[in-house]
Each structure stands twice: as C-alpha cells, then as structure tokens.
Amino acid sequence: MDAKPAVSALSALAHEGRLAVFRFLVEAGPEGVPPSEIARSLGVPANTMSTHLAILTRAGLATSERQSRSVVYRADIESLRALMVFLAKDCCRGREDLCGQLIIDLACT
C-alpha cells in the first residue's frame, strides 16, 4: 500500500460513525450485511448510512455486491491488512524491542 490509499483509508476511519460501520462490517464477516441492517443496528438514518458506506467503499475498506434486489456490504479485509502492514512496516527499523509487543498484540486479538 502506498501513502495515498493509506491516507484515504485513515481519513475514512477518522469519523466515529464510519469507524462504527467498519467495525460492524468486520464483525459481520464474509457473509456481509445489507445497509438497512447496519443502520438499524447502529441507530443511524438511512441517508447517513449511505454516505458512510460510500466513503468506506471509495477508500477501499468496504465492498458491495448486489444480491437479487438488495445490496450487501462487506469489510475488505485484505485492504485492512494492507493498511495495518503499511502502518507497522519499518516502524521499528528491525528493532524487535520497539515493535515486538505490537506484533504479539496483533496476533492475539
């Protein structure tokens, strides 16, 4: 991942509502969730949810798929992984004493 898509993803997640939507999508797993269910679960108006999902999709953090007459959204886990690697890469310049615990924490959660 380059800096530009990382900034886009971080910008999308730098909003409490969008962060909540993204976390909801991650928890929902690969089956995905229709926007109406996300909006209902998070108590967000449909038009606001539509905006949140559009921003997350443009940032590469969510995908959508039409299923018959509805749309299902999923978190793009590969993009999340790429963002996490981008943020952690070279953070310690090979010094395990600086990032060793971060790696352990990521593996344990």
C-alpha atoms as a PDB file:
ATOM      1  CA  MET A   1       0.000   0.000   0.000  1.00  0.00           C
ATOM      2  CA  ASP A   2       1.201   3.484  -0.862  1.00  0.00           C
ATOM      3  CA  ALA A   3       0.734   6.585   1.238  1.00  0.00           C
ATOM      4  CA  LYS A   4      -2.190   7.938  -0.832  1.00  0.00           C
ATOM      5  CA  PRO A   5      -4.557   4.971  -0.297  1.00  0.00           C
ATOM      6  CA  ALA A   6      -3.442   4.755   3.345  1.00  0.00           C
ATOM      7  CA  VAL A   7      -4.358   8.399   3.894  1.00  0.00           C
ATOM      8  CA  SER A   8      -7.713   7.804   2.186  1.00  0.00           C
ATOM      9  CA  ALA A   9      -8.445   4.801   4.421  1.00  0.00           C
ATOM     10  CA  LEU A  10      -7.345   6.581   7.578  1.00  0.00           C
ATOM     11  CA  SER A  11      -9.416   9.616   6.639  1.00  0.00           C
ATOM     12  CA  ALA A  12     -12.480   7.416   6.146  1.00  0.00           C
ATOM     13  CA  LEU A  13     -11.944   5.808   9.550  1.00  0.00           C
ATOM     14  CA  ALA A  14     -11.320   9.153  11.270  1.00  0.00           C
ATOM     15  CA  HIS A  15     -15.039   9.609  11.831  1.00  0.00           C
ATOM     16  CA  GLU A  16     -16.760   7.955  14.766  1.00  0.00           C
ATOM     17  CA  GLY A  17     -19.777   6.862  12.710  1.00  0.00           C
ATOM     18  CA  ARG A  18     -17.767   5.408   9.840  1.00  0.00           C
ATOM     19  CA  LEU A  19     -15.447   3.646  12.265  1.00  0.00           C
ATOM     20  CA  ALA A  20     -18.503   2.056  13.901  1.00  0.00           C
ATOM     21  CA  VAL A  21     -19.830   0.969  10.495  1.00  0.00           C
ATOM     22  CA  PHE A  22     -16.481  -0.503   9.507  1.00  0.00           C
ATOM     23  CA  ARG A  23     -16.164  -2.402  12.782  1.00  0.00           C
ATOM     24  CA  PHE A  24     -19.709  -3.701  12.312  1.00  0.00           C
ATOM     25  CA  LEU A  25     -18.807  -4.932   8.824  1.00  0.00           C
ATOM     26  CA  VAL A  26     -15.660  -6.641  10.125  1.00  0.00           C
ATOM     27  CA  GLU A  27     -17.687  -8.401  12.832  1.00  0.00           C
ATOM     28  CA  ALA A  28     -20.351  -9.424  10.290  1.00  0.00           C
ATOM     29  CA  GLY A  29     -17.744 -11.407   8.390  1.00  0.00           C
ATOM     30  CA  PRO A  30     -17.676 -12.527   4.780  1.00  0.00           C
ATOM     31  CA  GLU A  31     -21.452 -13.021   4.572  1.00  0.00           C
ATOM     32  CA  GLY A  32     -21.893  -9.261   4.540  1.00  0.00           C
ATOM     33  CA  VAL A  33     -24.804  -7.147   5.689  1.00  0.00           C
ATOM     34  CA  PRO A  34     -27.456  -5.053   3.953  1.00  0.00           C
ATOM     35  CA  PRO A  35     -27.262  -1.334   4.716  1.00  0.00           C
ATOM     36  CA  SER A  36     -30.686  -1.341   6.361  1.00  0.00           C
ATOM     37  CA  GLU A  37     -29.457  -3.836   8.964  1.00  0.00           C
ATOM     38  CA  ILE A  38     -26.335  -1.798   9.667  1.00  0.00           C
ATOM     39  CA  ALA A  39     -28.388   1.396  10.006  1.00  0.00           C
ATOM     40  CA  ARG A  40     -30.891  -0.276  12.317  1.00  0.00           C
ATOM     41  CA  SER A  41     -28.208  -1.876  14.487  1.00  0.00           C
ATOM     42  CA  LEU A  42     -26.207   1.333  14.848  1.00  0.00           C
ATOM     43  CA  GLY A  43     -29.197   3.663  15.055  1.00  0.00           C
ATOM     44  CA  VAL A  44     -28.122   5.685  12.026  1.00  0.00           C
ATOM     45  CA  PRO A  45     -30.521   7.248   9.485  1.00  0.00           C
ATOM     46  CA  ALA A  46     -30.527   5.536   6.066  1.00  0.00           C
ATOM     47  CA  ASN A  47     -29.180   8.577   4.194  1.00  0.00           C
ATOM     48  CA  THR A  48     -26.297   8.934   6.662  1.00  0.00           C
ATOM     49  CA  MET A  49     -25.555   5.210   6.350  1.00  0.00           C
ATOM     50  CA  SER A  50     -25.479   5.542   2.579  1.00  0.00           C
ATOM     51  CA  THR A  51     -22.883   8.306   2.871  1.00  0.00           C
ATOM     52  CA  HIS A  52     -20.772   6.330   5.352  1.00  0.00           C
ATOM     53  CA  LEU A  53     -20.802   3.244   3.123  1.00  0.00           C
ATOM     54  CA  ALA A  54     -19.931   5.268   0.016  1.00  0.00           C
ATOM     55  CA  ILE A  55     -16.930   6.834   1.764  1.00  0.00           C
ATOM     56  CA  LEU A  56     -15.717   3.474   3.099  1.00  0.00           C
ATOM     57  CA  THR A  57     -16.136   1.918  -0.351  1.00  0.00           C
ATOM     58  CA  ARG A  58     -14.228   4.736  -2.094  1.00  0.00           C
ATOM     59  CA  ALA A  59     -11.450   4.343   0.495  1.00  0.00           C
ATOM     60  CA  GLY A  60     -11.205   0.631  -0.371  1.00  0.00           C
ATOM     61  CA  LEU A  61     -12.312  -0.532   3.071  1.00  0.00           C
ATOM     62  CA  ALA A  62     -15.693  -1.935   2.042  1.00  0.00           C
ATOM     63  CA  THR A  63     -17.137  -3.703  -0.951  1.00  0.00           C
ATOM     64  CA  SER A  64     -20.697  -4.089  -2.117  1.00  0.00           C
ATOM     65  CA  GLU A  65     -22.434  -6.824  -4.041  1.00  0.00           C
ATOM     66  CA  ARG A  66     -25.899  -6.835  -5.483  1.00  0.00           C
ATOM     67  CA  GLN A  67     -27.861  -9.910  -4.443  1.00  0.00           C
ATOM     68  CA  SER A  68     -31.155 -10.027  -6.271  1.00  0.00           C
ATOM     69  CA  ARG A  69     -32.908  -6.769  -5.350  1.00  0.00           C
ATOM     70  CA  SER A  70     -30.713  -5.857  -2.406  1.00  0.00           C
ATOM     71  CA  VAL A  71     -27.103  -4.870  -1.817  1.00  0.00           C
ATOM     72  CA  VAL A  72     -24.786  -6.479   0.718  1.00  0.00           C
ATOM     73  CA  TYR A  73     -21.713  -4.729   2.118  1.00  0.00           C
ATOM     74  CA  ARG A  74     -18.577  -6.403   3.422  1.00  0.00           C
ATOM     75  CA  ALA A  75     -15.384  -5.154   5.001  1.00  0.00           C
ATOM     76  CA  ASP A  76     -12.438  -5.550   2.661  1.00  0.00           C
ATOM     77  CA  ILE A  77     -10.193  -7.490   5.000  1.00  0.00           C
ATOM     78  CA  GLU A  78      -7.298  -7.515   2.536  1.00  0.00           C
ATOM     79  CA  SER A  79      -7.325  -3.704   2.471  1.00  0.00           C
ATOM     80  CA  LEU A  80      -7.423  -3.645   6.266  1.00  0.00           C
ATOM     81  CA  ARG A  81      -4.441  -5.991   6.358  1.00  0.00           C
ATOM     82  CA  ALA A  82      -2.558  -3.827   3.854  1.00  0.00           C
ATOM     83  CA  LEU A  83      -3.283  -0.720   5.930  1.00  0.00           C
ATOM     84  CA  MET A  84      -2.076  -2.408   9.119  1.00  0.00           C
ATOM     85  CA  VAL A  85       1.108  -3.582   7.395  1.00  0.00           C
ATOM     86  CA  PHE A  86       1.654  -0.092   5.962  1.00  0.00           C
ATOM     87  CA  LEU A  87       1.331   1.443   9.424  1.00  0.00           C
ATOM     88  CA  ALA A  88       3.588  -1.101  11.127  1.00  0.00           C
ATOM     89  CA  LYS A  89       6.145  -1.600   8.359  1.00  0.00           C
ATOM     90  CA  ASP A  90       9.544  -0.251   9.197  1.00  0.00           C
ATOM     91  CA  CYS A  91       8.138   1.271  12.376  1.00  0.00           C
ATOM     92  CA  CYS A  92      10.948  -0.243  14.381  1.00  0.00           C
ATOM     93  CA  ARG A  93      13.659  -0.485  11.737  1.00  0.00           C
ATOM     94  CA  GLY A  94      14.245  -4.081  12.729  1.00  0.00           C
ATOM     95  CA  ARG A  95      14.348  -3.375  16.458  1.00  0.00           C
ATOM     96  CA  GLU A  96      12.188  -6.030  17.988  1.00  0.00           C
ATOM     97  CA  ASP A  97      12.291  -4.278  21.361  1.00  0.00           C
ATOM     98  CA  LEU A  98      10.240  -1.429  19.830  1.00  0.00           C
ATOM     99  CA  CYS A  99       7.564  -3.353  17.909  1.00  0.00           C
ATOM    100  CA  GLY A 100       7.722  -6.849  19.329  1.00  0.00           C
ATOM    101  CA  GLN A 101       4.762  -6.260  21.640  1.00  0.00           C
ATOM    102  CA  LEU A 102       2.733  -4.717  18.803  1.00  0.00           C
ATOM    103  CA  ILE A 103       3.201  -7.856  16.737  1.00  0.00           C
ATOM    104  CA  ILE A 104       2.221 -10.040  19.697  1.00  0.00           C
ATOM    105  CA  ASP A 105      -0.840  -7.868  20.393  1.00  0.00           C
ATOM    106  CA  LEU A 106      -1.976  -8.071  16.757  1.00  0.00           C
ATOM    107  CA  ALA A 107      -1.591 -11.841  16.753  1.00  0.00           C
ATOM    108  CA  CYS A 108      -3.548 -12.259  19.989  1.00  0.00           C
ATOM    109  CA  THR A 109      -6.600 -10.137  19.210  1.00  0.00           C
END
